[in-house]
Amino acid sequence: MANGKIELKIAETDLDEDPDHDPEEDSPVAYLSLPDHPGENTSGCVKKMVRLSDLIDYEGADIYMDFDAAGRLIGIEVLT
């Protein structure tokens, strides 16, 4: 069941939690959950992931679009 919300979560590595953190490799991640997303702890809900740069000539942050089994866009991940 969809949660009906739009939620933005930004995750940054905590140096206290990850002493092997490499700022060159471990950059912040933002995830936008759309209203059809079933919820954060729902495993297997993403059936297809599409990278924006595979669709259009694009330079910038890596952007991935997550789709469910019905082909609905349920989330967008941005890697900086």
N, C-alpha and C. Protein backbone atom coordinates (compact mmCIF):
# COMPACT_ATOMS: atom_id res chain seq x y z
N MET A 1 0.84 -1.18 0.00
CA MET A 1 0.00 0.00 0.00
C MET A 1 0.89 1.24 0.00
N ALA A 2 0.58 2.20 -0.83
CA ALA A 2 1.35 3.43 -0.91
C ALA A 2 1.17 4.25 0.36
N ASN A 3 2.24 4.97 0.72
CA ASN A 3 2.15 5.76 1.94
C ASN A 3 1.51 7.12 1.70
N GLY A 4 1.35 7.52 0.43
CA GLY A 4 0.66 8.76 0.10
C GLY A 4 1.42 10.02 0.41
N LYS A 5 2.69 9.92 0.75
CA LYS A 5 3.48 11.08 1.13
C LYS A 5 4.63 11.29 0.16
N ILE A 6 5.10 12.51 0.14
CA ILE A 6 6.36 12.81 -0.53
C ILE A 6 7.35 13.10 0.59
N GLU A 7 8.43 12.33 0.63
CA GLU A 7 9.42 12.49 1.69
C GLU A 7 10.81 12.61 1.08
N LEU A 8 11.61 13.50 1.64
CA LEU A 8 12.99 13.67 1.22
C LEU A 8 13.89 13.29 2.38
N LYS A 9 14.81 12.37 2.13
CA LYS A 9 15.78 11.98 3.15
C LYS A 9 17.17 12.22 2.59
N ILE A 10 18.01 12.82 3.41
CA ILE A 10 19.40 13.07 3.02
C ILE A 10 20.29 12.32 4.01
N ALA A 11 21.15 11.47 3.49
CA ALA A 11 22.04 10.67 4.33
C ALA A 11 23.48 11.09 4.09
N GLU A 12 24.15 11.40 5.17
CA GLU A 12 25.57 11.69 5.11
C GLU A 12 26.27 10.73 6.05
N THR A 13 27.47 10.33 5.69
CA THR A 13 28.21 9.39 6.52
C THR A 13 28.67 10.08 7.80
N ASP A 14 28.44 9.42 8.91
CA ASP A 14 28.88 9.91 10.22
C ASP A 14 30.27 9.34 10.48
N LEU A 15 31.27 10.21 10.64
CA LEU A 15 32.64 9.75 10.85
C LEU A 15 32.77 8.90 12.10
N ASP A 16 31.94 9.15 13.12
CA ASP A 16 31.99 8.34 14.34
C ASP A 16 31.50 6.92 14.07
N GLU A 17 30.55 6.77 13.14
CA GLU A 17 30.00 5.45 12.82
C GLU A 17 30.84 4.71 11.79
N ASP A 18 31.51 5.44 10.91
CA ASP A 18 32.28 4.81 9.84
C ASP A 18 33.68 5.41 9.79
N PRO A 19 34.64 4.84 10.52
CA PRO A 19 36.00 5.39 10.53
C PRO A 19 36.71 5.26 9.18
N ASP A 20 36.21 4.40 8.29
CA ASP A 20 36.81 4.23 6.97
C ASP A 20 36.23 5.17 5.93
N HIS A 21 35.43 6.13 6.38
CA HIS A 21 34.76 7.08 5.47
C HIS A 21 35.78 7.79 4.60
N ASP A 22 35.55 7.79 3.30
CA ASP A 22 36.39 8.51 2.33
C ASP A 22 35.51 9.54 1.65
N PRO A 23 35.71 10.84 1.96
CA PRO A 23 34.84 11.87 1.38
C PRO A 23 34.87 11.92 -0.14
N GLU A 24 35.93 11.41 -0.77
CA GLU A 24 35.99 11.39 -2.22
C GLU A 24 35.06 10.32 -2.80
N GLU A 25 34.82 9.25 -2.05
CA GLU A 25 33.99 8.15 -2.54
C GLU A 25 32.61 8.11 -1.89
N ASP A 26 32.51 8.52 -0.64
CA ASP A 26 31.26 8.43 0.12
C ASP A 26 30.62 9.80 0.23
N SER A 27 29.89 10.19 -0.78
CA SER A 27 29.26 11.50 -0.78
C SER A 27 27.81 11.39 -0.30
N PRO A 28 27.22 12.52 0.06
CA PRO A 28 25.83 12.50 0.53
C PRO A 28 24.87 11.93 -0.52
N VAL A 29 23.82 11.31 -0.03
CA VAL A 29 22.80 10.72 -0.88
C VAL A 29 21.45 11.31 -0.48
N ALA A 30 20.68 11.73 -1.47
CA ALA A 30 19.32 12.21 -1.20
C ALA A 30 18.35 11.24 -1.87
N TYR A 31 17.26 10.93 -1.17
CA TYR A 31 16.24 10.04 -1.73
C TYR A 31 14.88 10.69 -1.56
N LEU A 32 14.20 10.86 -2.69
CA LEU A 32 12.85 11.42 -2.69
C LEU A 32 11.86 10.28 -2.90
N SER A 33 11.10 9.97 -1.85
CA SER A 33 10.04 8.96 -1.94
C SER A 33 8.77 9.63 -2.42
N LEU A 34 8.18 9.10 -3.47
CA LEU A 34 6.96 9.66 -4.03
C LEU A 34 5.73 8.98 -3.42
N PRO A 35 4.53 9.52 -3.62
CA PRO A 35 3.33 8.99 -2.95
C PRO A 35 3.07 7.50 -3.16
N ASP A 36 3.48 6.91 -4.27
CA ASP A 36 3.24 5.49 -4.50
C ASP A 36 4.29 4.58 -3.85
N HIS A 37 5.31 5.17 -3.23
CA HIS A 37 6.33 4.36 -2.56
C HIS A 37 5.71 3.69 -1.34
N PRO A 38 5.90 2.37 -1.18
CA PRO A 38 5.25 1.65 -0.08
C PRO A 38 5.84 1.91 1.30
N GLY A 39 7.00 2.51 1.37
CA GLY A 39 7.59 2.80 2.68
C GLY A 39 9.05 2.43 2.73
N GLU A 40 9.76 3.05 3.64
CA GLU A 40 11.21 2.93 3.73
C GLU A 40 11.70 1.50 3.94
N ASN A 41 11.05 0.73 4.74
CA ASN A 41 11.54 -0.61 5.07
C ASN A 41 10.85 -1.72 4.29
N THR A 42 10.36 -1.41 3.10
CA THR A 42 9.70 -2.40 2.26
C THR A 42 10.72 -2.97 1.27
N SER A 43 11.20 -4.17 1.55
CA SER A 43 12.22 -4.76 0.68
C SER A 43 11.59 -5.26 -0.62
N GLY A 44 12.36 -5.15 -1.69
CA GLY A 44 11.92 -5.66 -2.98
C GLY A 44 10.90 -4.82 -3.72
N CYS A 45 10.62 -3.62 -3.24
CA CYS A 45 9.59 -2.80 -3.89
C CYS A 45 10.09 -2.18 -5.19
N VAL A 46 11.41 -1.99 -5.32
CA VAL A 46 11.97 -1.43 -6.55
C VAL A 46 12.23 -2.58 -7.52
N LYS A 47 11.52 -2.55 -8.64
CA LYS A 47 11.67 -3.61 -9.64
C LYS A 47 12.54 -3.18 -10.81
N LYS A 48 12.70 -1.86 -10.98
CA LYS A 48 13.53 -1.36 -12.08
C LYS A 48 14.13 -0.03 -11.65
N MET A 49 15.43 0.14 -11.94
CA MET A 49 16.12 1.39 -11.64
C MET A 49 16.69 1.92 -12.95
N VAL A 50 16.43 3.18 -13.26
CA VAL A 50 16.89 3.79 -14.51
C VAL A 50 17.76 4.99 -14.16
N ARG A 51 18.95 5.02 -14.75
CA ARG A 51 19.88 6.13 -14.55
C ARG A 51 19.55 7.22 -15.57
N LEU A 52 19.40 8.44 -15.10
CA LEU A 52 19.03 9.55 -15.98
C LEU A 52 20.01 9.71 -17.14
N SER A 53 21.30 9.58 -16.86
CA SER A 53 22.30 9.77 -17.92
C SER A 53 22.24 8.68 -18.99
N ASP A 54 21.53 7.58 -18.73
CA ASP A 54 21.32 6.56 -19.77
C ASP A 54 20.20 6.97 -20.72
N LEU A 55 19.40 7.95 -20.33
CA LEU A 55 18.26 8.39 -21.14
C LEU A 55 18.54 9.66 -21.94
N ILE A 56 19.29 10.56 -21.33
CA ILE A 56 19.59 11.84 -21.98
C ILE A 56 21.05 12.20 -21.77
N ASP A 57 21.56 13.08 -22.63
CA ASP A 57 22.92 13.58 -22.47
C ASP A 57 22.90 14.52 -21.27
N TYR A 58 23.50 14.09 -20.19
CA TYR A 58 23.36 14.81 -18.93
C TYR A 58 24.68 14.77 -18.17
N GLU A 59 25.08 15.91 -17.63
CA GLU A 59 26.25 15.97 -16.77
C GLU A 59 25.81 16.52 -15.43
N GLY A 60 26.34 15.97 -14.39
CA GLY A 60 25.98 16.42 -13.05
C GLY A 60 25.88 15.24 -12.11
N ALA A 61 25.14 15.44 -11.04
CA ALA A 61 24.97 14.39 -10.04
C ALA A 61 24.33 13.16 -10.68
N ASP A 62 24.70 11.99 -10.18
CA ASP A 62 24.04 10.77 -10.65
C ASP A 62 22.62 10.75 -10.11
N ILE A 63 21.66 10.56 -11.00
CA ILE A 63 20.25 10.52 -10.62
C ILE A 63 19.67 9.20 -11.11
N TYR A 64 19.05 8.49 -10.18
CA TYR A 64 18.42 7.20 -10.48
C TYR A 64 16.94 7.28 -10.16
N MET A 65 16.13 6.74 -11.05
CA MET A 65 14.68 6.70 -10.85
C MET A 65 14.28 5.26 -10.55
N ASP A 66 13.52 5.08 -9.48
CA ASP A 66 13.06 3.76 -9.05
C ASP A 66 11.61 3.54 -9.45
N PHE A 67 11.34 2.37 -10.04
CA PHE A 67 9.99 2.01 -10.48
C PHE A 67 9.55 0.73 -9.78
N ASP A 68 8.24 0.63 -9.52
CA ASP A 68 7.69 -0.59 -8.92
C ASP A 68 7.29 -1.58 -10.02
N ALA A 69 6.71 -2.70 -9.61
CA ALA A 69 6.34 -3.76 -10.56
C ALA A 69 5.31 -3.31 -11.59
N ALA A 70 4.50 -2.30 -11.25
CA ALA A 70 3.47 -1.79 -12.17
C ALA A 70 4.02 -0.69 -13.09
N GLY A 71 5.32 -0.37 -12.95
CA GLY A 71 5.92 0.66 -13.79
C GLY A 71 5.73 2.07 -13.27
N ARG A 72 5.26 2.21 -12.03
CA ARG A 72 5.07 3.54 -11.44
C ARG A 72 6.38 4.04 -10.85
N LEU A 73 6.66 5.32 -11.07
CA LEU A 73 7.82 5.95 -10.45
C LEU A 73 7.54 6.11 -8.97
N ILE A 74 8.39 5.48 -8.13
CA ILE A 74 8.14 5.53 -6.69
C ILE A 74 9.22 6.28 -5.92
N GLY A 75 10.37 6.54 -6.56
CA GLY A 75 11.42 7.25 -5.86
C GLY A 75 12.51 7.73 -6.79
N ILE A 76 13.24 8.74 -6.31
CA ILE A 76 14.35 9.31 -7.07
C ILE A 76 15.54 9.44 -6.12
N GLU A 77 16.68 8.88 -6.53
CA GLU A 77 17.89 8.94 -5.72
C GLU A 77 18.89 9.87 -6.40
N VAL A 78 19.51 10.74 -5.61
CA VAL A 78 20.50 11.68 -6.13
C VAL A 78 21.80 11.45 -5.38
N LEU A 79 22.86 11.13 -6.12
CA LEU A 79 24.19 10.94 -5.54
C LEU A 79 25.05 12.12 -5.95
N THR A 80 25.59 12.83 -4.99
CA THR A 80 26.38 14.01 -5.32
C THR A 80 27.85 13.72 -5.35
